[in-house]
Amino acid sequence: MPEAILAQLAVRPGELVLDCTAGRGGHAALLAAETGPDGTLYLCDLDPGNLDFAAARVKAETGVPTVSLQGSYVRAPRDLRGDGIAVDAVLADLGFASTQVDDAERGFSFLRDGPLDMRMDPGGPVTAADLLAGSDERELARIIHEYGEEPLSRRIARNIVQKRAVDPIATTADLAGLVRDAYGQRAASSRLHPATRTFQALRIAVNDEFGALDGLLRQVLEAAEAIGAGQPTWLADGARVAFLTFHSLEDRRVKRAFAELDRRGLGSAPARMPILPSETEIAINTRSRSAKLRVAVVGDRAERA
């Protein structure tokens, strides 16, 4: 949703911008063009390969200075505060890069057989295969139900435990087959691929996605409190903060945090409903179909946005 993001963040020449999930640099390059050579773009990503690619792309396309922050975006506010930086705009695109889902070796997709990895940071300590091997049936059912909203979570967890007692579950095809077996005849009539919710749940658990999201939202609120108290923090007064989510579990968290910001008078979230992709955009990029954009303005100068 590049046009909506640019319109809502309204980046001005010379501003400091944080892209929490740089990916392949598509949004980053557009934001850099808005802030221009007098601004700076701070790029964050768990995947070091994508981070390097994004930084190189921004430099080649715009020449705008960039600062790379490799790791979880939940650490970015601490890094910015440590350097005395207060950014004017923040984007957190919570989707994952097409290079990750399209690469079978990364293990994100049930449509491509590969190792059960799912780490956004290839150097991360725990893979999806580790999670399946080391969690008991009750914990697996909890993860699949809580993070995937999967109604058959208990049956899927039981299948996993029974299968791993005989052979390790090491590939995406192994796991997708177990989920399909749990669905039985329902698989033929399921609107989604039967493995969709289970793969989502394991990816979220492996990468602690909700821990990072909750942590960043908490730090947005804390920064707004600091602005109200006249204390230095990582967000400038009047900073625009945008979250692009792709499923309801993410969107609910952002919605609640922005409502709290507004309720406490620490900023404003002008739109109660999220901004959705246009039919034209969905036709161009089918992966945008589930996207929801929410934007808030932080601090005493929120009314100017």
C-alpha atoms as a PDB file:
ATOM      1  CA  MET A   1       0.000   0.000   0.000  1.00  0.00           C
ATOM      2  CA  PRO A   2       2.731   2.500  -0.939  1.00  0.00           C
ATOM      3  CA  GLU A   3       0.441   5.415  -1.859  1.00  0.00           C
ATOM      4  CA  ALA A   4      -1.549   5.188   1.380  1.00  0.00           C
ATOM      5  CA  ILE A   5       1.622   4.886   3.463  1.00  0.00           C
ATOM      6  CA  LEU A   6       3.206   7.949   1.854  1.00  0.00           C
ATOM      7  CA  ALA A   7       0.007   9.958   2.237  1.00  0.00           C
ATOM      8  CA  GLN A   8      -0.465   9.044   5.896  1.00  0.00           C
ATOM      9  CA  LEU A   9       3.157   9.440   7.025  1.00  0.00           C
ATOM     10  CA  ALA A  10       3.479  12.716   5.093  1.00  0.00           C
ATOM     11  CA  VAL A  11       7.269  12.733   5.372  1.00  0.00           C
ATOM     12  CA  ARG A  12       8.771  16.191   4.908  1.00  0.00           C
ATOM     13  CA  PRO A  13      12.187  17.066   3.452  1.00  0.00           C
ATOM     14  CA  GLY A  14      14.975  16.714   6.019  1.00  0.00           C
ATOM     15  CA  GLU A  15      13.032  14.492   8.443  1.00  0.00           C
ATOM     16  CA  LEU A  16      14.361  11.400  10.202  1.00  0.00           C
ATOM     17  CA  VAL A  17      12.474   8.201   9.350  1.00  0.00           C
ATOM     18  CA  LEU A  18      12.562   4.702  10.847  1.00  0.00           C
ATOM     19  CA  ASP A  19      11.599   1.738   8.661  1.00  0.00           C
ATOM     20  CA  CYS A  20      11.240  -1.084  11.199  1.00  0.00           C
ATOM     21  CA  THR A  21      11.043  -3.853   8.599  1.00  0.00           C
ATOM     22  CA  ALA A  22      13.157  -2.808   5.643  1.00  0.00           C
ATOM     23  CA  GLY A  23      12.734  -6.060   3.690  1.00  0.00           C
ATOM     24  CA  ARG A  24      13.882  -5.529   0.113  1.00  0.00           C
ATOM     25  CA  GLY A  25      13.701  -1.744   0.432  1.00  0.00           C
ATOM     26  CA  GLY A  26      10.526  -0.970  -1.519  1.00  0.00           C
ATOM     27  CA  HIS A  27       8.924   1.236   1.113  1.00  0.00           C
ATOM     28  CA  ALA A  28      12.331   2.459   2.279  1.00  0.00           C
ATOM     29  CA  ALA A  29      13.223   3.868  -1.135  1.00  0.00           C
ATOM     30  CA  LEU A  30       9.879   5.693  -1.358  1.00  0.00           C
ATOM     31  CA  LEU A  31      10.271   7.177   2.127  1.00  0.00           C
ATOM     32  CA  ALA A  32      13.858   8.209   1.352  1.00  0.00           C
ATOM     33  CA  ALA A  33      12.689  10.071  -1.743  1.00  0.00           C
ATOM     34  CA  GLU A  34      10.311  12.070   0.460  1.00  0.00           C
ATOM     35  CA  THR A  35      12.854  13.021   3.125  1.00  0.00           C
ATOM     36  CA  GLY A  36      15.561  13.767   0.543  1.00  0.00           C
ATOM     37  CA  PRO A  37      19.315  14.193   0.989  1.00  0.00           C
ATOM     38  CA  ASP A  38      18.948  16.363   4.092  1.00  0.00           C
ATOM     39  CA  GLY A  39      17.086  13.602   5.920  1.00  0.00           C
ATOM     40  CA  THR A  40      18.186  10.215   7.214  1.00  0.00           C
ATOM     41  CA  LEU A  41      16.562   6.811   6.931  1.00  0.00           C
ATOM     42  CA  TYR A  42      17.058   4.311   9.750  1.00  0.00           C
ATOM     43  CA  LEU A  43      16.621   0.768   8.471  1.00  0.00           C
ATOM     44  CA  CYS A  44      15.882  -2.205  10.698  1.00  0.00           C
ATOM     45  CA  ASP A  45      15.455  -5.869   9.767  1.00  0.00           C
ATOM     46  CA  LEU A  46      16.012  -9.294  11.304  1.00  0.00           C
ATOM     47  CA  ASP A  47      17.363 -10.641   8.028  1.00  0.00           C
ATOM     48  CA  PRO A  48      20.904  -9.288   7.464  1.00  0.00           C
ATOM     49  CA  GLY A  49      20.811 -10.132   3.761  1.00  0.00           C
ATOM     50  CA  ASN A  50      17.620  -8.151   3.208  1.00  0.00           C
ATOM     51  CA  LEU A  51      18.925  -5.277   5.327  1.00  0.00           C
ATOM     52  CA  ASP A  52      22.068  -4.955   3.215  1.00  0.00           C
ATOM     53  CA  PHE A  53      20.010  -5.161   0.036  1.00  0.00           C
ATOM     54  CA  ALA A  54      17.598  -2.455   1.243  1.00  0.00           C
ATOM     55  CA  ALA A  55      20.416  -0.095   2.242  1.00  0.00           C
ATOM     56  CA  ALA A  56      22.115  -0.553  -1.132  1.00  0.00           C
ATOM     57  CA  ARG A  57      18.823   0.022  -2.956  1.00  0.00           C
ATOM     58  CA  VAL A  58      18.069   3.244  -1.088  1.00  0.00           C
ATOM     59  CA  LYS A  59      21.571   4.545  -1.795  1.00  0.00           C
ATOM     60  CA  ALA A  60      21.411   3.628  -5.498  1.00  0.00           C
ATOM     61  CA  GLU A  61      17.917   5.034  -6.070  1.00  0.00           C
ATOM     62  CA  THR A  62      17.972   8.151  -3.873  1.00  0.00           C
ATOM     63  CA  GLY A  63      21.409   8.814  -2.407  1.00  0.00           C
ATOM     64  CA  VAL A  64      19.748   9.472   0.961  1.00  0.00           C
ATOM     65  CA  PRO A  65      21.901   8.597   3.997  1.00  0.00           C
ATOM     66  CA  THR A  66      20.896   5.401   5.797  1.00  0.00           C
ATOM     67  CA  VAL A  67      21.766   3.826   9.143  1.00  0.00           C
ATOM     68  CA  SER A  68      21.318   0.049   9.443  1.00  0.00           C
ATOM     69  CA  LEU A  69      20.057  -1.530  12.685  1.00  0.00           C
ATOM     70  CA  GLN A  70      20.250  -5.307  12.267  1.00  0.00           C
ATOM     71  CA  GLY A  71      17.996  -7.238  14.623  1.00  0.00           C
ATOM     72  CA  SER A  72      14.473  -7.086  15.988  1.00  0.00           C
ATOM     73  CA  TYR A  73      12.728  -3.751  15.584  1.00  0.00           C
ATOM     74  CA  VAL A  74      11.832  -3.852  19.265  1.00  0.00           C
ATOM     75  CA  ARG A  75      15.457  -2.834  19.955  1.00  0.00           C
ATOM     76  CA  ALA A  76      15.405   0.133  17.576  1.00  0.00           C
ATOM     77  CA  PRO A  77      13.964   2.654  20.105  1.00  0.00           C
ATOM     78  CA  ARG A  78      16.761   1.838  22.555  1.00  0.00           C
ATOM     79  CA  ASP A  79      19.400   2.291  19.834  1.00  0.00           C
ATOM     80  CA  LEU A  80      17.905   5.610  18.756  1.00  0.00           C
ATOM     81  CA  ARG A  81      17.673   6.907  22.327  1.00  0.00           C
ATOM     82  CA  GLY A  82      21.277   5.886  22.927  1.00  0.00           C
ATOM     83  CA  ASP A  83      22.368   8.049  20.002  1.00  0.00           C
ATOM     84  CA  GLY A  84      20.114  10.969  20.976  1.00  0.00           C
ATOM     85  CA  ILE A  85      17.944  10.501  17.883  1.00  0.00           C
ATOM     86  CA  ALA A  86      14.233  11.355  17.727  1.00  0.00           C
ATOM     87  CA  VAL A  87      12.572  10.232  14.484  1.00  0.00           C
ATOM     88  CA  ASP A  88       9.682  12.044  12.803  1.00  0.00           C
ATOM     89  CA  ALA A  89       8.014   9.048  11.144  1.00  0.00           C
ATOM     90  CA  VAL A  90       7.919   5.288  11.742  1.00  0.00           C
ATOM     91  CA  LEU A  91       6.738   2.482   9.479  1.00  0.00           C
ATOM     92  CA  ALA A  92       6.304  -1.116  10.667  1.00  0.00           C
ATOM     93  CA  ASP A  93       5.256  -3.345   7.766  1.00  0.00           C
ATOM     94  CA  LEU A  94       4.546  -6.652   9.502  1.00  0.00           C
ATOM     95  CA  GLY A  95       4.476  -8.755   6.352  1.00  0.00           C
ATOM     96  CA  PHE A  96       7.495 -10.791   5.371  1.00  0.00           C
ATOM     97  CA  ALA A  97       9.592 -10.366   2.240  1.00  0.00           C
ATOM     98  CA  SER A  98       8.693 -12.297  -0.900  1.00  0.00           C
ATOM     99  CA  THR A  99      12.298 -13.531  -1.037  1.00  0.00           C
ATOM    100  CA  GLN A 100      11.675 -15.325   2.257  1.00  0.00           C
ATOM    101  CA  VAL A 101       8.408 -17.022   1.371  1.00  0.00           C
ATOM    102  CA  ASP A 102       9.551 -17.878  -2.168  1.00  0.00           C
ATOM    103  CA  ASP A 103      12.801 -19.522  -1.017  1.00  0.00           C
ATOM    104  CA  ALA A 104      12.048 -23.160  -0.154  1.00  0.00           C
ATOM    105  CA  GLU A 105      15.182 -23.362   1.996  1.00  0.00           C
ATOM    106  CA  ARG A 106      13.717 -20.790   4.413  1.00  0.00           C
ATOM    107  CA  GLY A 107      10.804 -23.106   5.200  1.00  0.00           C
ATOM    108  CA  PHE A 108       8.040 -20.483   5.348  1.00  0.00           C
ATOM    109  CA  SER A 109       5.743 -21.949   2.694  1.00  0.00           C
ATOM    110  CA  PHE A 110       3.720 -25.162   2.631  1.00  0.00           C
ATOM    111  CA  LEU A 111       3.619 -24.821  -1.162  1.00  0.00           C
ATOM    112  CA  ARG A 112       7.373 -25.471  -1.499  1.00  0.00           C
ATOM    113  CA  ASP A 113       9.054 -28.443   0.139  1.00  0.00           C
ATOM    114  CA  GLY A 114      12.057 -27.495   2.229  1.00  0.00           C
ATOM    115  CA  PRO A 115      13.507 -27.682   5.732  1.00  0.00           C
ATOM    116  CA  LEU A 116      11.213 -26.582   8.568  1.00  0.00           C
ATOM    117  CA  ASP A 117      13.167 -23.439   9.422  1.00  0.00           C
ATOM    118  CA  MET A 118      10.947 -20.288   9.421  1.00  0.00           C
ATOM    119  CA  ARG A 119      13.574 -18.038  11.046  1.00  0.00           C
ATOM    120  CA  MET A 120      13.506 -14.476   9.717  1.00  0.00           C
ATOM    121  CA  ASP A 121      17.006 -14.128  11.165  1.00  0.00           C
ATOM    122  CA  PRO A 122      18.908 -17.124   9.746  1.00  0.00           C
ATOM    123  CA  GLY A 123      21.156 -16.974  12.825  1.00  0.00           C
ATOM    124  CA  GLY A 124      18.264 -17.270  15.266  1.00  0.00           C
ATOM    125  CA  PRO A 125      18.480 -20.012  17.916  1.00  0.00           C
ATOM    126  CA  VAL A 126      15.253 -21.967  17.284  1.00  0.00           C
ATOM    127  CA  THR A 127      13.773 -23.357  14.057  1.00  0.00           C
ATOM    128  CA  ALA A 128      10.238 -24.591  13.491  1.00  0.00           C
ATOM    129  CA  ALA A 129      11.599 -28.146  13.479  1.00  0.00           C
ATOM    130  CA  ASP A 130      13.138 -27.519  16.917  1.00  0.00           C
ATOM    131  CA  LEU A 131       9.796 -26.207  18.173  1.00  0.00           C
ATOM    132  CA  LEU A 132       7.914 -29.264  16.906  1.00  0.00           C
ATOM    133  CA  ALA A 133      10.486 -31.614  18.400  1.00  0.00           C
ATOM    134  CA  GLY A 134      10.745 -29.955  21.804  1.00  0.00           C
ATOM    135  CA  SER A 135       7.184 -28.898  22.710  1.00  0.00           C
ATOM    136  CA  ASP A 136       4.689 -31.206  24.372  1.00  0.00           C
ATOM    137  CA  GLU A 137       1.254 -31.819  22.864  1.00  0.00           C
ATOM    138  CA  ARG A 138      -0.508 -29.284  25.064  1.00  0.00           C
ATOM    139  CA  GLU A 139       1.965 -26.516  24.224  1.00  0.00           C
ATOM    140  CA  LEU A 140       1.789 -27.278  20.503  1.00  0.00           C
ATOM    141  CA  ALA A 141      -2.017 -27.107  20.621  1.00  0.00           C
ATOM    142  CA  ARG A 142      -1.808 -23.775  22.470  1.00  0.00           C
ATOM    143  CA  ILE A 143       0.598 -22.263  19.931  1.00  0.00           C
ATOM    144  CA  ILE A 144      -1.446 -23.413  16.938  1.00  0.00           C
ATOM    145  CA  HIS A 145      -4.723 -22.237  18.476  1.00  0.00           C
ATOM    146  CA  GLU A 146      -3.506 -18.943  19.955  1.00  0.00           C
ATOM    147  CA  TYR A 147      -1.254 -17.791  17.124  1.00  0.00           C
ATOM    148  CA  GLY A 148      -3.082 -19.403  14.212  1.00  0.00           C
ATOM    149  CA  GLU A 149      -6.687 -19.335  15.427  1.00  0.00           C
ATOM    150  CA  GLU A 150      -6.856 -22.924  14.170  1.00  0.00           C
ATOM    151  CA  PRO A 151     -10.047 -24.747  15.269  1.00  0.00           C
ATOM    152  CA  LEU A 152      -8.416 -28.172  14.849  1.00  0.00           C
ATOM    153  CA  SER A 153      -5.329 -27.308  16.897  1.00  0.00           C
ATOM    154  CA  ARG A 154      -5.650 -30.236  19.313  1.00  0.00           C
ATOM    155  CA  ARG A 155      -6.026 -32.791  16.547  1.00  0.00           C
ATOM    156  CA  ILE A 156      -3.070 -31.324  14.647  1.00  0.00           C
ATOM    157  CA  ALA A 157      -0.914 -31.332  17.797  1.00  0.00           C
ATOM    158  CA  ARG A 158      -1.850 -34.967  18.427  1.00  0.00           C
ATOM    159  CA  ASN A 159      -0.853 -35.913  14.872  1.00  0.00           C
ATOM    160  CA  ILE A 160       2.489 -34.117  15.307  1.00  0.00           C
ATOM    161  CA  VAL A 161       3.291 -35.924  18.555  1.00  0.00           C
ATOM    162  CA  GLN A 162       2.322 -39.315  17.137  1.00  0.00           C
ATOM    163  CA  LYS A 163       4.382 -38.763  13.985  1.00  0.00           C
ATOM    164  CA  ARG A 164       7.519 -37.541  15.756  1.00  0.00           C
ATOM    165  CA  ALA A 165       7.499 -40.625  17.988  1.00  0.00           C
ATOM    166  CA  VAL A 166       8.265 -42.601  14.825  1.00  0.00           C
ATOM    167  CA  ASP A 167      10.207 -40.148  12.636  1.00  0.00           C
ATOM    168  CA  PRO A 168      11.395 -36.525  13.019  1.00  0.00           C
ATOM    169  CA  ILE A 169       9.214 -33.885  11.351  1.00  0.00           C
ATOM    170  CA  ALA A 170      11.868 -32.130   9.307  1.00  0.00           C
ATOM    171  CA  THR A 171      10.278 -30.692   6.158  1.00  0.00           C
ATOM    172  CA  THR A 172       7.421 -28.393   5.212  1.00  0.00           C
ATOM    173  CA  ALA A 173       5.839 -31.246   3.236  1.00  0.00           C
ATOM    174  CA  ASP A 174       5.904 -33.466   6.341  1.00  0.00           C
ATOM    175  CA  LEU A 175       4.058 -30.852   8.399  1.00  0.00           C
ATOM    176  CA  ALA A 176       1.585 -29.897   5.663  1.00  0.00           C
ATOM    177  CA  GLY A 177       0.712 -33.576   5.248  1.00  0.00           C
ATOM    178  CA  LEU A 178       0.052 -33.985   8.970  1.00  0.00           C
ATOM    179  CA  VAL A 179      -2.264 -30.979   8.989  1.00  0.00           C
ATOM    180  CA  ARG A 180      -4.091 -32.225   5.907  1.00  0.00           C
ATOM    181  CA  ASP A 181      -4.601 -35.601   7.588  1.00  0.00           C
ATOM    182  CA  ALA A 182      -6.053 -33.835  10.642  1.00  0.00           C
ATOM    183  CA  TYR A 183      -8.573 -32.079   8.391  1.00  0.00           C
ATOM    184  CA  GLY A 184      -9.591 -35.279   6.635  1.00  0.00           C
ATOM    185  CA  GLN A 185     -12.502 -34.698   4.245  1.00  0.00           C
ATOM    186  CA  ARG A 186     -12.752 -31.061   5.385  1.00  0.00           C
ATOM    187  CA  ALA A 187      -9.537 -30.314   3.465  1.00  0.00           C
ATOM    188  CA  ALA A 188     -11.392 -30.441   0.143  1.00  0.00           C
ATOM    189  CA  SER A 189     -13.903 -27.775   1.172  1.00  0.00           C
ATOM    190  CA  SER A 190     -11.614 -25.557   3.268  1.00  0.00           C
ATOM    191  CA  ARG A 191     -11.502 -21.944   2.033  1.00  0.00           C
ATOM    192  CA  LEU A 192      -7.849 -21.734   3.051  1.00  0.00           C
ATOM    193  CA  HIS A 193      -5.176 -24.339   2.495  1.00  0.00           C
ATOM    194  CA  PRO A 194      -5.448 -26.545   5.614  1.00  0.00           C
ATOM    195  CA  ALA A 195      -1.850 -25.761   6.625  1.00  0.00           C
ATOM    196  CA  THR A 196      -2.214 -21.958   6.449  1.00  0.00           C
ATOM    197  CA  ARG A 197      -3.018 -21.316  10.108  1.00  0.00           C
ATOM    198  CA  THR A 198      -0.540 -23.860  11.484  1.00  0.00           C
ATOM    199  CA  PHE A 199       2.341 -22.434   9.438  1.00  0.00           C
ATOM    200  CA  GLN A 200       1.385 -18.906  10.523  1.00  0.00           C
ATOM    201  CA  ALA A 201       1.336 -19.968  14.170  1.00  0.00           C
ATOM    202  CA  LEU A 202       4.747 -21.629  14.050  1.00  0.00           C
ATOM    203  CA  ARG A 203       6.309 -18.684  12.198  1.00  0.00           C
ATOM    204  CA  ILE A 204       4.976 -16.282  14.831  1.00  0.00           C
ATOM    205  CA  ALA A 205       6.288 -18.483  17.647  1.00  0.00           C
ATOM    206  CA  VAL A 206       9.727 -19.052  16.098  1.00  0.00           C
ATOM    207  CA  ASN A 207      10.282 -15.317  15.557  1.00  0.00           C
ATOM    208  CA  ASP A 208       8.494 -14.084  18.713  1.00  0.00           C
ATOM    209  CA  GLU A 209       6.510 -11.764  16.467  1.00  0.00           C
ATOM    210  CA  PHE A 210       3.904 -10.819  19.045  1.00  0.00           C
ATOM    211  CA  GLY A 211       6.531 -10.194  21.700  1.00  0.00           C
ATOM    212  CA  ALA A 212       8.263  -7.770  19.342  1.00  0.00           C
ATOM    213  CA  LEU A 213       5.019  -6.078  18.266  1.00  0.00           C
ATOM    214  CA  ASP A 214       3.764  -5.652  21.831  1.00  0.00           C
ATOM    215  CA  GLY A 215       7.181  -4.327  22.828  1.00  0.00           C
ATOM    216  CA  LEU A 216       7.245  -1.717  20.061  1.00  0.00           C
ATOM    217  CA  LEU A 217       3.684  -0.579  20.767  1.00  0.00           C
ATOM    218  CA  ARG A 218       4.533  -0.232  24.456  1.00  0.00           C
ATOM    219  CA  GLN A 219       7.548   1.910  23.579  1.00  0.00           C
ATOM    220  CA  VAL A 220       5.386   4.139  21.368  1.00  0.00           C
ATOM    221  CA  LEU A 221       3.140   4.802  24.382  1.00  0.00           C
ATOM    222  CA  GLU A 222       6.136   5.371  26.651  1.00  0.00           C
ATOM    223  CA  ALA A 223       7.612   7.829  24.150  1.00  0.00           C
ATOM    224  CA  ALA A 224       4.296   9.696  24.044  1.00  0.00           C
ATOM    225  CA  GLU A 225       4.352   9.917  27.860  1.00  0.00           C
ATOM    226  CA  ALA A 226       7.910  11.271  27.738  1.00  0.00           C
ATOM    227  CA  ILE A 227       6.922  13.895  25.173  1.00  0.00           C
ATOM    228  CA  GLY A 228       4.062  14.987  27.412  1.00  0.00           C
ATOM    229  CA  ALA A 229       6.510  15.306  30.311  1.00  0.00           C
ATOM    230  CA  GLY A 230       8.985  17.309  28.234  1.00  0.00           C
ATOM    231  CA  GLN A 231      11.599  14.543  28.344  1.00  0.00           C
ATOM    232  CA  PRO A 232      13.826  13.448  25.458  1.00  0.00           C
ATOM    233  CA  THR A 233      12.834  10.216  23.758  1.00  0.00           C
ATOM    234  CA  TRP A 234      13.121   8.360  20.441  1.00  0.00           C
ATOM    235  CA  LEU A 235      10.030   9.935  18.845  1.00  0.00           C
ATOM    236  CA  ALA A 236       9.763  13.606  17.962  1.00  0.00           C
ATOM    237  CA  ASP A 237       6.711  15.549  19.091  1.00  0.00           C
ATOM    238  CA  GLY A 238       4.170  15.115  16.274  1.00  0.00           C
ATOM    239  CA  ALA A 239       5.785  11.907  14.967  1.00  0.00           C
ATOM    240  CA  ARG A 240       3.581   9.804  12.679  1.00  0.00           C
ATOM    241  CA  VAL A 241       3.579   6.069  13.381  1.00  0.00           C
ATOM    242  CA  ALA A 242       2.167   3.568  10.870  1.00  0.00           C
ATOM    243  CA  PHE A 243       1.600  -0.177  11.236  1.00  0.00           C
ATOM    244  CA  LEU A 244       0.746  -2.363   8.254  1.00  0.00           C
ATOM    245  CA  THR A 245      -0.720  -5.650   9.505  1.00  0.00           C
ATOM    246  CA  PHE A 246      -1.798  -8.812   7.700  1.00  0.00           C
ATOM    247  CA  HIS A 247      -4.021 -10.728  10.096  1.00  0.00           C
ATOM    248  CA  SER A 248      -6.481  -9.944  12.860  1.00  0.00           C
ATOM    249  CA  LEU A 249      -4.186 -10.910  15.740  1.00  0.00           C
ATOM    250  CA  GLU A 250      -1.738  -8.169  14.722  1.00  0.00           C
ATOM    251  CA  ASP A 251      -4.398  -5.603  13.885  1.00  0.00           C
ATOM    252  CA  ARG A 252      -6.159  -5.996  17.254  1.00  0.00           C
ATOM    253  CA  ARG A 253      -2.949  -5.220  19.108  1.00  0.00           C
ATOM    254  CA  VAL A 254      -2.322  -2.064  17.082  1.00  0.00           C
ATOM    255  CA  LYS A 255      -5.957  -0.969  17.370  1.00  0.00           C
ATOM    256  CA  ARG A 256      -5.914  -1.339  21.183  1.00  0.00           C
ATOM    257  CA  ALA A 257      -2.615   0.530  21.568  1.00  0.00           C
ATOM    258  CA  PHE A 258      -3.742   3.435  19.361  1.00  0.00           C
ATOM    259  CA  ALA A 259      -7.058   3.648  21.213  1.00  0.00           C
ATOM    260  CA  GLU A 260      -5.120   3.864  24.498  1.00  0.00           C
ATOM    261  CA  LEU A 261      -2.902   6.599  23.048  1.00  0.00           C
ATOM    262  CA  ASP A 262      -5.979   8.568  22.051  1.00  0.00           C
ATOM    263  CA  ARG A 263      -7.888   7.916  25.304  1.00  0.00           C
ATOM    264  CA  ARG A 264      -5.010   9.153  27.458  1.00  0.00           C
ATOM    265  CA  GLY A 265      -4.511  12.291  25.396  1.00  0.00           C
ATOM    266  CA  LEU A 266      -0.982  11.243  24.409  1.00  0.00           C
ATOM    267  CA  GLY A 267      -1.629  11.616  20.697  1.00  0.00           C
ATOM    268  CA  SER A 268      -4.334  10.861  18.178  1.00  0.00           C
ATOM    269  CA  ALA A 269      -5.429   8.019  15.929  1.00  0.00           C
ATOM    270  CA  PRO A 270      -7.700   9.944  13.537  1.00  0.00           C
ATOM    271  CA  ALA A 271      -9.293   6.958  11.782  1.00  0.00           C
ATOM    272  CA  ARG A 272     -11.248   4.386  13.777  1.00  0.00           C
ATOM    273  CA  MET A 273     -11.248   1.964  10.837  1.00  0.00           C
ATOM    274  CA  PRO A 274      -8.047   0.776   9.161  1.00  0.00           C
ATOM    275  CA  ILE A 275      -7.134   1.817   5.636  1.00  0.00           C
ATOM    276  CA  LEU A 276      -7.569  -1.110   3.230  1.00  0.00           C
ATOM    277  CA  PRO A 277      -5.943  -1.809  -0.151  1.00  0.00           C
ATOM    278  CA  SER A 278      -7.816  -0.772  -3.267  1.00  0.00           C
ATOM    279  CA  GLU A 279      -9.183  -3.312  -5.731  1.00  0.00           C
ATOM    280  CA  THR A 280      -6.532  -2.143  -8.187  1.00  0.00           C
ATOM    281  CA  GLU A 281      -3.750  -2.823  -5.716  1.00  0.00           C
ATOM    282  CA  ILE A 282      -5.144  -6.260  -4.874  1.00  0.00           C
ATOM    283  CA  ALA A 283      -5.243  -7.082  -8.585  1.00  0.00           C
ATOM    284  CA  ILE A 284      -1.574  -6.094  -8.920  1.00  0.00           C
ATOM    285  CA  ASN A 285      -0.433  -7.744  -5.678  1.00  0.00           C
ATOM    286  CA  THR A 286      -2.752 -10.460  -4.352  1.00  0.00           C
ATOM    287  CA  ARG A 287      -0.717 -10.674  -1.126  1.00  0.00           C
ATOM    288  CA  SER A 288      -2.012  -7.229  -0.191  1.00  0.00           C
ATOM    289  CA  ARG A 289      -5.586  -8.555   0.107  1.00  0.00           C
ATOM    290  CA  SER A 290      -5.407  -8.967   3.905  1.00  0.00           C
ATOM    291  CA  ALA A 291      -3.418  -5.767   4.593  1.00  0.00           C
ATOM    292  CA  LYS A 292      -4.687  -3.165   7.081  1.00  0.00           C
ATOM    293  CA  LEU A 293      -2.962   0.163   7.685  1.00  0.00           C
ATOM    294  CA  ARG A 294      -3.382   2.112  10.933  1.00  0.00           C
ATOM    295  CA  VAL A 295      -1.675   5.436  11.658  1.00  0.00           C
ATOM    296  CA  ALA A 296      -1.353   7.507  14.823  1.00  0.00           C
ATOM    297  CA  VAL A 297       0.270  10.846  15.594  1.00  0.00           C
ATOM    298  CA  VAL A 298       2.223  11.051  18.847  1.00  0.00           C
ATOM    299  CA  GLY A 299       2.632  13.940  21.252  1.00  0.00           C
ATOM    300  CA  ASP A 300       1.254  17.403  21.918  1.00  0.00           C
ATOM    301  CA  ARG A 301       1.410  18.374  18.248  1.00  0.00           C
ATOM    302  CA  ALA A 302      -0.809  15.516  17.132  1.00  0.00           C
ATOM    303  CA  GLU A 303      -3.512  17.921  16.008  1.00  0.00           C
ATOM    304  CA  ARG A 304      -1.402  19.175  13.117  1.00  0.00           C
ATOM    305  CA  ALA A 305      -1.585  15.866  11.238  1.00  0.00           C
END
